[in-house]
Amino acid sequence: FTMLWSLLLLIPGIVKACAYSQAMYILRDEPGIKATEALKRSQEMMKGHKMEMFILDLSFIGWDLLTMLTLGLVGVFYANPYQFCTGAELYRVLKNQ
């Protein structure tokens, strides 16, 4: 769905990527629901928090550049787990609100 939104323009694609960012965690938390339901719940959860998610993603640009410079080694051993744990913590905070 994010790619389809990105076909329109870059900005709607970024907005929808932020809106759908929690779907993976929702599916992991509740494995019995459908993917489309997880996307809907993610959109509801991210209402009013998309800018925070965008800024959080921007904060990892340095790690992404370092990962590219080291041919993925920093990403495998440090940056990717750090990003995923940060995303999981954001999910936990949003879920408790």
N, C-alpha and C. Protein backbone atom coordinates (compact mmCIF):
# COMPACT_ATOMS: atom_id res chain seq x y z
N PHE A 1 0.82 -1.20 0.00
CA PHE A 1 0.00 0.00 0.00
C PHE A 1 0.86 1.26 0.00
N THR A 2 1.98 1.21 0.70
CA THR A 2 2.87 2.37 0.76
C THR A 2 3.42 2.70 -0.62
N MET A 3 3.77 1.67 -1.40
CA MET A 3 4.29 1.92 -2.74
C MET A 3 3.24 2.56 -3.62
N LEU A 4 1.99 2.13 -3.48
CA LEU A 4 0.93 2.73 -4.28
C LEU A 4 0.75 4.21 -3.95
N TRP A 5 0.83 4.55 -2.67
CA TRP A 5 0.74 5.95 -2.27
C TRP A 5 1.95 6.73 -2.79
N SER A 6 3.10 6.09 -2.82
CA SER A 6 4.31 6.77 -3.29
C SER A 6 4.25 7.07 -4.79
N LEU A 7 3.46 6.31 -5.52
CA LEU A 7 3.32 6.57 -6.94
C LEU A 7 2.66 7.93 -7.19
N LEU A 8 1.80 8.36 -6.27
CA LEU A 8 1.15 9.66 -6.43
C LEU A 8 2.18 10.78 -6.32
N LEU A 9 2.88 10.80 -5.24
CA LEU A 9 3.94 11.78 -4.99
C LEU A 9 4.77 11.26 -3.83
N LEU A 10 5.87 11.87 -3.58
CA LEU A 10 6.75 11.45 -2.51
C LEU A 10 6.14 11.73 -1.14
N ILE A 11 5.54 12.89 -0.96
CA ILE A 11 5.00 13.28 0.34
C ILE A 11 3.87 12.36 0.80
N PRO A 12 2.86 12.06 -0.05
CA PRO A 12 1.82 11.12 0.43
C PRO A 12 2.40 9.75 0.77
N GLY A 13 3.42 9.33 0.06
CA GLY A 13 4.06 8.05 0.38
C GLY A 13 4.72 8.06 1.74
N ILE A 14 5.36 9.16 2.09
CA ILE A 14 6.01 9.28 3.40
C ILE A 14 4.95 9.32 4.50
N VAL A 15 3.87 10.05 4.26
CA VAL A 15 2.79 10.15 5.26
C VAL A 15 2.18 8.78 5.51
N LYS A 16 1.91 8.03 4.44
CA LYS A 16 1.32 6.71 4.60
C LYS A 16 2.31 5.72 5.21
N ALA A 17 3.59 5.85 4.89
CA ALA A 17 4.59 4.98 5.52
C ALA A 17 4.60 5.19 7.03
N CYS A 18 4.48 6.44 7.45
CA CYS A 18 4.40 6.72 8.89
C CYS A 18 3.09 6.18 9.48
N ALA A 19 2.00 6.32 8.73
CA ALA A 19 0.71 5.84 9.22
C ALA A 19 0.68 4.32 9.36
N TYR A 20 1.34 3.62 8.44
CA TYR A 20 1.35 2.16 8.46
C TYR A 20 2.50 1.58 9.27
N SER A 21 3.32 2.39 9.89
CA SER A 21 4.55 1.92 10.53
C SER A 21 4.32 0.96 11.69
N GLN A 22 3.16 0.99 12.32
CA GLN A 22 2.91 0.14 13.48
C GLN A 22 2.22 -1.17 13.13
N ALA A 23 1.90 -1.39 11.86
CA ALA A 23 1.16 -2.58 11.43
C ALA A 23 1.93 -3.87 11.75
N MET A 24 3.23 -3.87 11.56
CA MET A 24 4.04 -5.05 11.83
C MET A 24 3.94 -5.44 13.31
N TYR A 25 3.98 -4.45 14.19
CA TYR A 25 3.90 -4.73 15.62
C TYR A 25 2.51 -5.18 16.03
N ILE A 26 1.48 -4.63 15.39
CA ILE A 26 0.11 -5.03 15.67
C ILE A 26 -0.09 -6.49 15.25
N LEU A 27 0.42 -6.86 14.08
CA LEU A 27 0.32 -8.25 13.63
C LEU A 27 1.06 -9.20 14.56
N ARG A 28 2.18 -8.75 15.07
CA ARG A 28 2.96 -9.59 15.98
C ARG A 28 2.25 -9.73 17.33
N ASP A 29 1.60 -8.66 17.75
CA ASP A 29 0.89 -8.66 19.03
C ASP A 29 -0.40 -9.46 18.96
N GLU A 30 -1.08 -9.39 17.81
CA GLU A 30 -2.36 -10.08 17.60
C GLU A 30 -2.31 -10.87 16.30
N PRO A 31 -1.74 -12.08 16.31
CA PRO A 31 -1.53 -12.82 15.06
C PRO A 31 -2.80 -13.26 14.35
N GLY A 32 -3.95 -13.21 14.99
CA GLY A 32 -5.18 -13.67 14.37
C GLY A 32 -5.86 -12.68 13.45
N ILE A 33 -5.42 -11.43 13.42
CA ILE A 33 -6.12 -10.43 12.60
C ILE A 33 -5.54 -10.39 11.19
N LYS A 34 -6.32 -9.84 10.27
CA LYS A 34 -5.88 -9.73 8.88
C LYS A 34 -4.94 -8.53 8.73
N ALA A 35 -4.15 -8.56 7.67
CA ALA A 35 -3.19 -7.49 7.43
C ALA A 35 -3.89 -6.15 7.20
N THR A 36 -5.01 -6.16 6.49
CA THR A 36 -5.71 -4.89 6.24
C THR A 36 -6.26 -4.30 7.54
N GLU A 37 -6.68 -5.17 8.46
CA GLU A 37 -7.15 -4.69 9.77
C GLU A 37 -5.99 -4.09 10.55
N ALA A 38 -4.82 -4.71 10.45
CA ALA A 38 -3.64 -4.18 11.13
C ALA A 38 -3.27 -2.81 10.56
N LEU A 39 -3.41 -2.63 9.25
CA LEU A 39 -3.13 -1.33 8.64
C LEU A 39 -4.11 -0.27 9.14
N LYS A 40 -5.38 -0.64 9.25
CA LYS A 40 -6.39 0.31 9.76
C LYS A 40 -6.08 0.70 11.20
N ARG A 41 -5.74 -0.29 12.02
CA ARG A 41 -5.41 0.00 13.42
C ARG A 41 -4.16 0.85 13.53
N SER A 42 -3.20 0.59 12.65
CA SER A 42 -1.98 1.39 12.66
C SER A 42 -2.29 2.84 12.32
N GLN A 43 -3.15 3.05 11.33
CA GLN A 43 -3.53 4.42 10.97
C GLN A 43 -4.21 5.12 12.14
N GLU A 44 -5.09 4.43 12.83
CA GLU A 44 -5.77 5.01 13.99
C GLU A 44 -4.77 5.34 15.10
N MET A 45 -3.83 4.41 15.32
CA MET A 45 -2.84 4.59 16.38
C MET A 45 -1.92 5.77 16.09
N MET A 46 -1.63 6.01 14.83
CA MET A 46 -0.66 7.04 14.45
C MET A 46 -1.30 8.42 14.23
N LYS A 47 -2.61 8.53 14.39
CA LYS A 47 -3.24 9.85 14.24
C LYS A 47 -2.63 10.81 15.24
N GLY A 48 -2.09 11.90 14.74
CA GLY A 48 -1.46 12.90 15.60
C GLY A 48 -0.02 12.60 15.95
N HIS A 49 0.52 11.47 15.47
CA HIS A 49 1.89 11.09 15.81
C HIS A 49 2.77 10.87 14.58
N LYS A 50 2.25 11.17 13.40
CA LYS A 50 3.03 10.93 12.18
C LYS A 50 4.28 11.78 12.11
N MET A 51 4.20 13.02 12.55
CA MET A 51 5.38 13.90 12.53
C MET A 51 6.45 13.37 13.48
N GLU A 52 6.02 12.89 14.64
CA GLU A 52 6.98 12.31 15.58
C GLU A 52 7.69 11.11 14.96
N MET A 53 6.93 10.28 14.23
CA MET A 53 7.52 9.11 13.57
C MET A 53 8.49 9.55 12.48
N PHE A 54 8.12 10.57 11.73
CA PHE A 54 8.99 11.08 10.67
C PHE A 54 10.30 11.61 11.25
N ILE A 55 10.22 12.35 12.33
CA ILE A 55 11.43 12.88 12.99
C ILE A 55 12.27 11.74 13.56
N LEU A 56 11.61 10.73 14.10
CA LEU A 56 12.33 9.57 14.61
C LEU A 56 13.08 8.87 13.48
N ASP A 57 12.42 8.71 12.33
CA ASP A 57 13.09 8.11 11.18
C ASP A 57 14.27 8.96 10.70
N LEU A 58 14.09 10.28 10.73
CA LEU A 58 15.19 11.17 10.32
C LEU A 58 16.38 11.07 11.26
N SER A 59 16.13 10.75 12.51
CA SER A 59 17.23 10.67 13.48
C SER A 59 18.16 9.50 13.19
N PHE A 60 17.73 8.56 12.37
CA PHE A 60 18.56 7.40 12.05
C PHE A 60 19.33 7.55 10.74
N ILE A 61 19.29 8.71 10.12
CA ILE A 61 19.99 8.91 8.85
C ILE A 61 21.49 8.68 9.01
N GLY A 62 22.06 9.16 10.09
CA GLY A 62 23.49 8.96 10.31
C GLY A 62 23.84 7.48 10.40
N TRP A 63 23.02 6.70 11.10
CA TRP A 63 23.27 5.26 11.20
C TRP A 63 23.13 4.60 9.83
N ASP A 64 22.16 5.06 9.03
CA ASP A 64 21.98 4.49 7.70
C ASP A 64 23.19 4.78 6.81
N LEU A 65 23.72 5.99 6.90
CA LEU A 65 24.92 6.33 6.12
C LEU A 65 26.12 5.51 6.58
N LEU A 66 26.28 5.35 7.88
CA LEU A 66 27.37 4.54 8.41
C LEU A 66 27.22 3.08 7.99
N THR A 67 25.99 2.60 7.94
CA THR A 67 25.74 1.23 7.48
C THR A 67 26.16 1.08 6.02
N MET A 68 25.85 2.07 5.20
CA MET A 68 26.27 2.00 3.79
C MET A 68 27.79 2.04 3.66
N LEU A 69 28.42 2.89 4.44
CA LEU A 69 29.88 2.99 4.37
C LEU A 69 30.59 1.71 4.79
N THR A 70 29.99 0.96 5.70
CA THR A 70 30.61 -0.29 6.17
C THR A 70 30.03 -1.50 5.47
N LEU A 71 29.36 -1.29 4.35
CA LEU A 71 28.77 -2.36 3.54
C LEU A 71 27.80 -3.23 4.36
N GLY A 72 27.08 -2.62 5.25
CA GLY A 72 26.03 -3.29 6.00
C GLY A 72 26.44 -3.84 7.35
N LEU A 73 27.72 -3.82 7.68
CA LEU A 73 28.15 -4.43 8.94
C LEU A 73 27.59 -3.72 10.17
N VAL A 74 27.61 -2.40 10.16
CA VAL A 74 27.06 -1.65 11.30
C VAL A 74 25.56 -1.92 11.42
N GLY A 75 24.89 -2.04 10.30
CA GLY A 75 23.46 -2.31 10.32
C GLY A 75 23.14 -3.67 10.93
N VAL A 76 23.90 -4.68 10.53
CA VAL A 76 23.65 -6.03 11.02
C VAL A 76 23.90 -6.13 12.52
N PHE A 77 24.99 -5.56 12.97
CA PHE A 77 25.40 -5.76 14.36
C PHE A 77 24.89 -4.71 15.34
N TYR A 78 24.47 -3.52 14.84
CA TYR A 78 24.07 -2.51 15.80
C TYR A 78 22.87 -1.67 15.35
N ALA A 79 22.95 -1.05 14.19
CA ALA A 79 21.95 -0.04 13.81
C ALA A 79 20.56 -0.63 13.60
N ASN A 80 20.44 -1.75 12.89
CA ASN A 80 19.11 -2.32 12.65
C ASN A 80 18.44 -2.78 13.94
N PRO A 81 19.13 -3.53 14.81
CA PRO A 81 18.47 -3.88 16.08
C PRO A 81 18.07 -2.64 16.88
N TYR A 82 18.91 -1.61 16.85
CA TYR A 82 18.60 -0.37 17.56
C TYR A 82 17.34 0.28 16.99
N GLN A 83 17.23 0.32 15.66
CA GLN A 83 16.05 0.91 15.03
C GLN A 83 14.80 0.09 15.35
N PHE A 84 14.89 -1.23 15.26
CA PHE A 84 13.72 -2.06 15.53
C PHE A 84 13.27 -1.97 16.99
N CYS A 85 14.22 -1.91 17.90
CA CYS A 85 13.86 -1.76 19.32
C CYS A 85 13.23 -0.40 19.59
N THR A 86 13.71 0.63 18.92
CA THR A 86 13.11 1.95 19.06
C THR A 86 11.68 1.96 18.52
N GLY A 87 11.47 1.32 17.37
CA GLY A 87 10.12 1.21 16.83
C GLY A 87 9.19 0.43 17.74
N ALA A 88 9.70 -0.64 18.34
CA ALA A 88 8.89 -1.43 19.27
C ALA A 88 8.54 -0.62 20.51
N GLU A 89 9.47 0.17 20.98
CA GLU A 89 9.18 1.02 22.15
C GLU A 89 8.13 2.08 21.80
N LEU A 90 8.21 2.64 20.61
CA LEU A 90 7.19 3.60 20.17
C LEU A 90 5.82 2.90 20.14
N TYR A 91 5.78 1.69 19.62
CA TYR A 91 4.52 0.93 19.60
C TYR A 91 3.97 0.74 21.01
N ARG A 92 4.85 0.37 21.94
CA ARG A 92 4.43 0.13 23.32
C ARG A 92 3.86 1.41 23.94
N VAL A 93 4.50 2.53 23.69
CA VAL A 93 4.03 3.81 24.23
C VAL A 93 2.67 4.19 23.62
N LEU A 94 2.56 4.06 22.29
CA LEU A 94 1.30 4.42 21.62
C LEU A 94 0.16 3.48 22.03
N LYS A 95 0.48 2.22 22.23
CA LYS A 95 -0.54 1.25 22.62
C LYS A 95 -1.09 1.56 24.01
N ASN A 96 -0.24 2.04 24.90
CA ASN A 96 -0.68 2.35 26.26
C ASN A 96 -1.42 3.67 26.37
N GLN A 97 -1.42 4.48 25.32
CA GLN A 97 -2.12 5.77 25.38
C GLN A 97 -3.61 5.60 25.14
